[in-house]
N, C-alpha and C. Protein backbone atom coordinates (compact mmCIF):
# COMPACT_ATOMS: atom_id res chain seq x y z
N UNK A 1 109.74 52.95 96.52
CA UNK A 1 108.82 53.32 97.57
C UNK A 1 109.18 54.68 98.17
N UNK A 2 110.46 54.94 98.36
CA UNK A 2 110.90 56.22 98.91
C UNK A 2 110.50 57.36 97.98
N UNK A 3 110.64 57.17 96.68
CA UNK A 3 110.28 58.20 95.71
C UNK A 3 108.79 58.50 95.75
N UNK A 4 107.96 57.48 95.94
CA UNK A 4 106.53 57.70 96.04
C UNK A 4 106.20 58.52 97.28
N UNK A 5 106.83 58.21 98.39
CA UNK A 5 106.59 58.97 99.62
C UNK A 5 107.02 60.41 99.45
N UNK A 6 108.18 60.62 98.82
CA UNK A 6 108.66 61.98 98.58
C UNK A 6 107.68 62.72 97.67
N UNK A 7 107.23 62.05 96.62
CA UNK A 7 106.30 62.67 95.68
C UNK A 7 105.00 63.07 96.34
N UNK A 8 104.46 62.21 97.18
CA UNK A 8 103.22 62.52 97.88
C UNK A 8 103.41 63.67 98.85
N UNK A 9 104.53 63.68 99.57
CA UNK A 9 104.81 64.76 100.51
C UNK A 9 105.00 66.08 99.77
N UNK A 10 105.72 66.04 98.67
CA UNK A 10 105.95 67.24 97.86
C UNK A 10 104.63 67.79 97.31
N UNK A 11 103.77 66.90 96.83
CA UNK A 11 102.47 67.31 96.31
C UNK A 11 101.62 67.93 97.42
N UNK A 12 101.68 67.34 98.61
CA UNK A 12 100.90 67.86 99.73
C UNK A 12 101.36 69.27 100.10
N UNK A 13 102.68 69.48 100.14
CA UNK A 13 103.21 70.82 100.46
C UNK A 13 102.80 71.83 99.39
N UNK A 14 102.81 71.42 98.14
CA UNK A 14 102.38 72.30 97.05
C UNK A 14 100.91 72.66 97.19
N UNK A 15 100.09 71.68 97.56
CA UNK A 15 98.67 71.95 97.76
C UNK A 15 98.47 72.94 98.90
N UNK A 16 99.22 72.77 99.98
CA UNK A 16 99.10 73.68 101.13
C UNK A 16 99.45 75.11 100.72
N UNK A 17 100.47 75.28 99.89
CA UNK A 17 100.83 76.63 99.42
C UNK A 17 99.71 77.23 98.58
N UNK A 18 99.14 76.43 97.71
CA UNK A 18 98.04 76.92 96.88
C UNK A 18 96.80 77.22 97.71
N UNK A 19 96.64 76.47 98.77
CA UNK A 19 95.50 76.70 99.66
C UNK A 19 95.60 78.08 100.30
N UNK A 20 96.80 78.53 100.60
CA UNK A 20 96.97 79.89 101.15
C UNK A 20 96.51 80.95 100.16
N UNK A 21 96.79 80.73 98.89
CA UNK A 21 96.31 81.66 97.85
C UNK A 21 94.79 81.66 97.83
N UNK A 22 94.21 80.46 97.92
CA UNK A 22 92.76 80.34 97.94
C UNK A 22 92.18 81.09 99.13
N UNK A 23 92.78 80.92 100.30
CA UNK A 23 92.32 81.64 101.50
C UNK A 23 92.36 83.15 101.30
N UNK A 24 93.42 83.63 100.67
CA UNK A 24 93.60 85.07 100.49
C UNK A 24 92.63 85.68 99.48
N UNK A 25 92.24 84.91 98.47
CA UNK A 25 91.46 85.48 97.37
C UNK A 25 89.99 85.09 97.33
N UNK A 26 89.65 83.92 97.86
CA UNK A 26 88.29 83.43 97.68
C UNK A 26 87.23 84.29 98.37
N UNK A 27 87.35 84.49 99.67
CA UNK A 27 86.31 85.22 100.40
C UNK A 27 86.15 86.67 99.92
N UNK A 28 87.25 87.39 99.67
CA UNK A 28 87.07 88.74 99.11
C UNK A 28 86.36 88.73 97.75
N UNK A 29 86.70 87.76 96.91
CA UNK A 29 86.05 87.66 95.60
C UNK A 29 84.57 87.36 95.76
N UNK A 30 84.24 86.42 96.61
CA UNK A 30 82.83 86.07 96.83
C UNK A 30 82.07 87.26 97.39
N UNK A 31 82.66 87.94 98.34
CA UNK A 31 81.97 89.09 98.96
C UNK A 31 81.68 90.17 97.92
N UNK A 32 82.58 90.35 96.96
CA UNK A 32 82.40 91.40 95.96
C UNK A 32 81.28 91.09 94.96
N UNK A 33 80.91 89.82 94.83
CA UNK A 33 79.89 89.44 93.85
C UNK A 33 78.72 88.68 94.49
N UNK A 34 78.64 88.72 95.79
CA UNK A 34 77.68 87.89 96.53
C UNK A 34 76.25 88.03 96.02
N UNK A 35 75.82 89.24 95.73
CA UNK A 35 74.44 89.46 95.30
C UNK A 35 74.13 88.81 93.95
N UNK A 36 75.17 88.53 93.17
CA UNK A 36 74.97 87.96 91.83
C UNK A 36 75.26 86.46 91.75
N UNK A 37 75.55 85.84 92.88
CA UNK A 37 75.94 84.43 92.88
C UNK A 37 74.93 83.60 93.69
N UNK A 38 73.93 83.04 93.00
CA UNK A 38 72.91 82.28 93.74
C UNK A 38 73.43 80.97 94.33
N UNK A 39 74.58 80.50 93.89
CA UNK A 39 75.13 79.24 94.39
C UNK A 39 76.19 79.47 95.47
N UNK A 40 76.16 80.64 96.10
CA UNK A 40 77.13 80.98 97.15
C UNK A 40 77.17 79.95 98.29
N UNK A 41 76.04 79.43 98.76
CA UNK A 41 76.12 78.43 99.84
C UNK A 41 76.95 77.20 99.46
N UNK A 42 76.80 76.75 98.21
CA UNK A 42 77.58 75.59 97.77
C UNK A 42 79.06 75.95 97.61
N UNK A 43 79.34 77.14 97.09
CA UNK A 43 80.73 77.59 96.97
C UNK A 43 81.40 77.62 98.34
N UNK A 44 80.71 78.20 99.30
CA UNK A 44 81.27 78.31 100.65
C UNK A 44 81.44 76.95 101.32
N UNK A 45 80.47 76.08 101.14
CA UNK A 45 80.58 74.74 101.73
C UNK A 45 81.79 74.02 101.13
N UNK A 46 81.99 74.18 99.83
CA UNK A 46 83.16 73.58 99.18
C UNK A 46 84.44 74.19 99.74
N UNK A 47 84.44 75.49 99.95
CA UNK A 47 85.60 76.20 100.51
C UNK A 47 85.95 75.63 101.88
N UNK A 48 84.96 75.49 102.74
CA UNK A 48 85.22 74.96 104.08
C UNK A 48 85.65 73.49 104.04
N UNK A 49 85.16 72.74 103.07
CA UNK A 49 85.60 71.35 102.93
C UNK A 49 87.07 71.29 102.51
N UNK A 50 87.49 72.21 101.66
CA UNK A 50 88.90 72.27 101.24
C UNK A 50 89.80 72.58 102.43
N UNK A 51 89.36 73.47 103.29
CA UNK A 51 90.17 73.87 104.45
C UNK A 51 90.22 72.79 105.53
N UNK A 52 89.26 71.89 105.52
CA UNK A 52 89.14 70.84 106.54
C UNK A 52 90.14 69.72 106.27
N UNK A 53 91.08 69.53 107.16
CA UNK A 53 92.09 68.48 106.98
C UNK A 53 91.50 67.07 107.07
N UNK A 54 90.29 66.95 107.57
CA UNK A 54 89.62 65.65 107.63
C UNK A 54 89.04 65.25 106.27
N UNK A 55 88.89 66.22 105.39
CA UNK A 55 88.40 65.94 104.05
C UNK A 55 89.51 65.21 103.28
N UNK A 56 89.21 64.11 102.61
CA UNK A 56 90.25 63.39 101.86
C UNK A 56 90.95 64.31 100.84
N UNK A 57 92.24 64.11 100.67
CA UNK A 57 93.04 64.97 99.81
C UNK A 57 92.50 65.01 98.38
N UNK A 58 92.08 63.90 97.82
CA UNK A 58 91.55 63.90 96.46
C UNK A 58 90.32 64.80 96.35
N UNK A 59 89.48 64.77 97.35
CA UNK A 59 88.28 65.61 97.37
C UNK A 59 88.69 67.08 97.47
N UNK A 60 89.64 67.35 98.35
CA UNK A 60 90.10 68.73 98.52
C UNK A 60 90.67 69.29 97.22
N UNK A 61 91.40 68.47 96.48
CA UNK A 61 91.99 68.92 95.22
C UNK A 61 90.90 69.23 94.19
N UNK A 62 89.92 68.35 94.07
CA UNK A 62 88.83 68.57 93.10
C UNK A 62 88.07 69.85 93.44
N UNK A 63 87.73 70.02 94.71
CA UNK A 63 86.98 71.21 95.11
C UNK A 63 87.83 72.47 94.98
N UNK A 64 89.10 72.38 95.33
CA UNK A 64 89.99 73.55 95.22
C UNK A 64 90.10 73.99 93.76
N UNK A 65 90.12 73.05 92.84
CA UNK A 65 90.18 73.41 91.42
C UNK A 65 88.93 74.17 91.00
N UNK A 66 87.78 73.73 91.47
CA UNK A 66 86.53 74.44 91.15
C UNK A 66 86.53 75.84 91.76
N UNK A 67 87.02 75.97 92.97
CA UNK A 67 87.08 77.29 93.62
C UNK A 67 88.09 78.19 92.92
N UNK A 68 89.19 77.60 92.48
CA UNK A 68 90.19 78.39 91.75
C UNK A 68 89.59 78.93 90.46
N UNK A 69 88.77 78.15 89.80
CA UNK A 69 88.11 78.63 88.57
C UNK A 69 87.23 79.84 88.90
N UNK A 70 86.56 79.80 90.04
CA UNK A 70 85.70 80.91 90.45
C UNK A 70 86.51 82.19 90.65
N UNK A 71 87.69 82.09 91.24
CA UNK A 71 88.46 83.31 91.52
C UNK A 71 89.37 83.72 90.35
N UNK A 72 89.54 82.82 89.37
CA UNK A 72 90.39 83.14 88.23
C UNK A 72 89.73 84.24 87.40
N UNK A 73 90.48 85.30 87.04
CA UNK A 73 89.86 86.45 86.39
C UNK A 73 89.37 86.22 84.96
N UNK A 74 89.86 85.21 84.29
CA UNK A 74 89.42 84.96 82.91
C UNK A 74 88.57 83.69 82.88
N UNK A 75 87.34 83.85 82.41
CA UNK A 75 86.39 82.75 82.35
C UNK A 75 85.99 82.48 80.92
N UNK A 76 85.33 81.36 80.73
CA UNK A 76 84.74 81.06 79.43
C UNK A 76 83.65 82.08 79.13
N UNK A 77 82.84 82.38 80.13
CA UNK A 77 81.80 83.41 80.02
C UNK A 77 82.17 84.51 81.02
N UNK A 78 82.33 85.72 80.54
CA UNK A 78 82.74 86.84 81.40
C UNK A 78 81.74 87.05 82.53
N UNK A 79 82.23 87.20 83.75
CA UNK A 79 81.36 87.35 84.92
C UNK A 79 80.53 88.63 84.87
N UNK A 80 80.96 89.61 84.11
CA UNK A 80 80.25 90.89 84.03
C UNK A 80 78.96 90.81 83.22
N UNK A 81 78.76 89.74 82.47
CA UNK A 81 77.54 89.60 81.66
C UNK A 81 76.38 89.25 82.59
N UNK A 82 75.45 90.17 82.72
CA UNK A 82 74.31 89.99 83.62
C UNK A 82 73.48 88.78 83.18
N UNK A 83 73.18 87.92 84.13
CA UNK A 83 72.35 86.76 83.86
C UNK A 83 73.10 85.53 83.40
N UNK A 84 74.26 85.71 82.79
CA UNK A 84 75.03 84.58 82.29
C UNK A 84 76.41 84.47 82.90
N UNK A 85 76.90 85.54 83.46
CA UNK A 85 78.29 85.65 83.87
C UNK A 85 78.82 84.55 84.76
N UNK A 86 78.02 84.02 85.64
CA UNK A 86 78.51 83.00 86.56
C UNK A 86 78.03 81.60 86.19
N UNK A 87 77.44 81.47 85.02
CA UNK A 87 76.94 80.17 84.58
C UNK A 87 78.06 79.15 84.48
N UNK A 88 79.18 79.54 83.90
CA UNK A 88 80.29 78.59 83.77
C UNK A 88 80.88 78.24 85.12
N UNK A 89 80.94 79.21 86.03
CA UNK A 89 81.45 78.95 87.39
C UNK A 89 80.55 77.94 88.10
N UNK A 90 79.23 78.13 87.95
CA UNK A 90 78.28 77.20 88.57
C UNK A 90 78.43 75.80 87.98
N UNK A 91 78.61 75.72 86.67
CA UNK A 91 78.75 74.41 86.02
C UNK A 91 80.00 73.69 86.51
N UNK A 92 81.09 74.41 86.64
CA UNK A 92 82.34 73.80 87.13
C UNK A 92 82.16 73.32 88.57
N UNK A 93 81.54 74.16 89.41
CA UNK A 93 81.32 73.78 90.80
C UNK A 93 80.43 72.54 90.90
N UNK A 94 79.32 72.54 90.17
CA UNK A 94 78.41 71.41 90.28
C UNK A 94 79.02 70.12 89.72
N UNK A 95 79.86 70.23 88.71
CA UNK A 95 80.57 69.05 88.21
C UNK A 95 81.50 68.51 89.30
N UNK A 96 82.18 69.41 89.98
CA UNK A 96 83.08 69.00 91.07
C UNK A 96 82.27 68.37 92.21
N UNK A 97 81.15 68.98 92.56
CA UNK A 97 80.32 68.44 93.65
C UNK A 97 79.78 67.05 93.31
N UNK A 98 79.41 66.84 92.07
CA UNK A 98 78.94 65.50 91.66
C UNK A 98 80.08 64.48 91.74
N UNK A 99 81.26 64.93 91.39
CA UNK A 99 82.43 64.04 91.41
C UNK A 99 82.74 63.56 92.82
N UNK A 100 82.56 64.43 93.79
CA UNK A 100 82.91 64.11 95.17
C UNK A 100 81.66 64.05 96.05
N UNK A 101 80.56 63.63 95.48
CA UNK A 101 79.28 63.65 96.20
C UNK A 101 79.40 63.04 97.59
N UNK A 102 78.80 63.69 98.53
CA UNK A 102 78.80 63.22 99.90
C UNK A 102 80.00 63.68 100.73
N UNK A 103 80.96 64.31 100.11
CA UNK A 103 82.17 64.72 100.85
C UNK A 103 81.96 66.00 101.65
N UNK A 104 81.02 66.80 101.24
CA UNK A 104 80.75 68.03 101.99
C UNK A 104 79.85 67.66 103.15
N UNK A 105 80.35 67.93 104.34
CA UNK A 105 79.69 67.51 105.58
C UNK A 105 78.77 68.62 106.12
N UNK A 106 77.85 68.26 107.00
CA UNK A 106 76.95 69.26 107.58
C UNK A 106 77.69 70.43 108.24
N UNK A 107 78.85 70.17 108.87
CA UNK A 107 79.56 71.28 109.51
C UNK A 107 80.16 72.23 108.48
N UNK A 108 80.43 71.76 107.26
CA UNK A 108 80.89 72.66 106.19
C UNK A 108 79.74 73.57 105.77
N UNK A 109 78.55 73.00 105.65
CA UNK A 109 77.38 73.79 105.27
C UNK A 109 77.00 74.77 106.38
N UNK A 110 77.16 74.37 107.63
CA UNK A 110 76.85 75.26 108.75
C UNK A 110 77.82 76.45 108.77
N UNK A 111 79.09 76.18 108.52
CA UNK A 111 80.07 77.28 108.46
C UNK A 111 79.74 78.23 107.32
N UNK A 112 79.32 77.68 106.20
CA UNK A 112 78.93 78.51 105.04
C UNK A 112 77.75 79.39 105.40
N UNK A 113 76.77 78.81 106.06
CA UNK A 113 75.59 79.58 106.45
C UNK A 113 75.94 80.70 107.42
N UNK A 114 76.83 80.41 108.38
CA UNK A 114 77.27 81.46 109.32
C UNK A 114 77.94 82.61 108.58
N UNK A 115 78.85 82.27 107.65
CA UNK A 115 79.56 83.31 106.91
C UNK A 115 78.58 84.16 106.10
N UNK A 116 77.62 83.50 105.44
CA UNK A 116 76.64 84.24 104.65
C UNK A 116 75.80 85.16 105.51
N UNK A 117 75.39 84.69 106.67
CA UNK A 117 74.59 85.53 107.58
C UNK A 117 75.40 86.74 108.02
N UNK A 118 76.68 86.53 108.36
CA UNK A 118 77.52 87.65 108.77
C UNK A 118 77.75 88.62 107.63
N UNK A 119 77.95 88.11 106.43
CA UNK A 119 78.17 88.97 105.27
C UNK A 119 76.93 89.80 104.96
N UNK A 120 75.75 89.20 105.10
CA UNK A 120 74.51 89.94 104.84
C UNK A 120 74.26 91.00 105.88
N UNK A 121 74.62 90.73 107.13
CA UNK A 121 74.44 91.72 108.19
C UNK A 121 75.41 92.88 108.03
N UNK A 122 76.60 92.59 107.50
CA UNK A 122 77.61 93.62 107.31
C UNK A 122 77.39 94.44 106.04
N UNK A 123 76.49 94.00 105.18
CA UNK A 123 76.28 94.70 103.90
C UNK A 123 75.38 95.89 104.02
């Protein structure tokens, strides 16, 4: 039992460290490609759900993996290909969203909408 508790605590600390990387890279990456990403509201809602400590850890891990795929520089389909570049990113995100359906709350979507409005005004 002690080993399980240690393992869970260790995994949680590792997730928190990776979450800092996500915080540092996700929004700048999204801002740089915002005009080419029609699924930005869903990406942002997933991002805010990952940051929300009320979101169950399993959900946060699934969504964080999808967001990590978005910021990872090497994709199955290169992001620079006009019209197709973000297709694989969208597929990964939507698969994650289906897996954790209902976990993204209205306040996550509201935060996403606020960020998008601010980004559009600043552009």
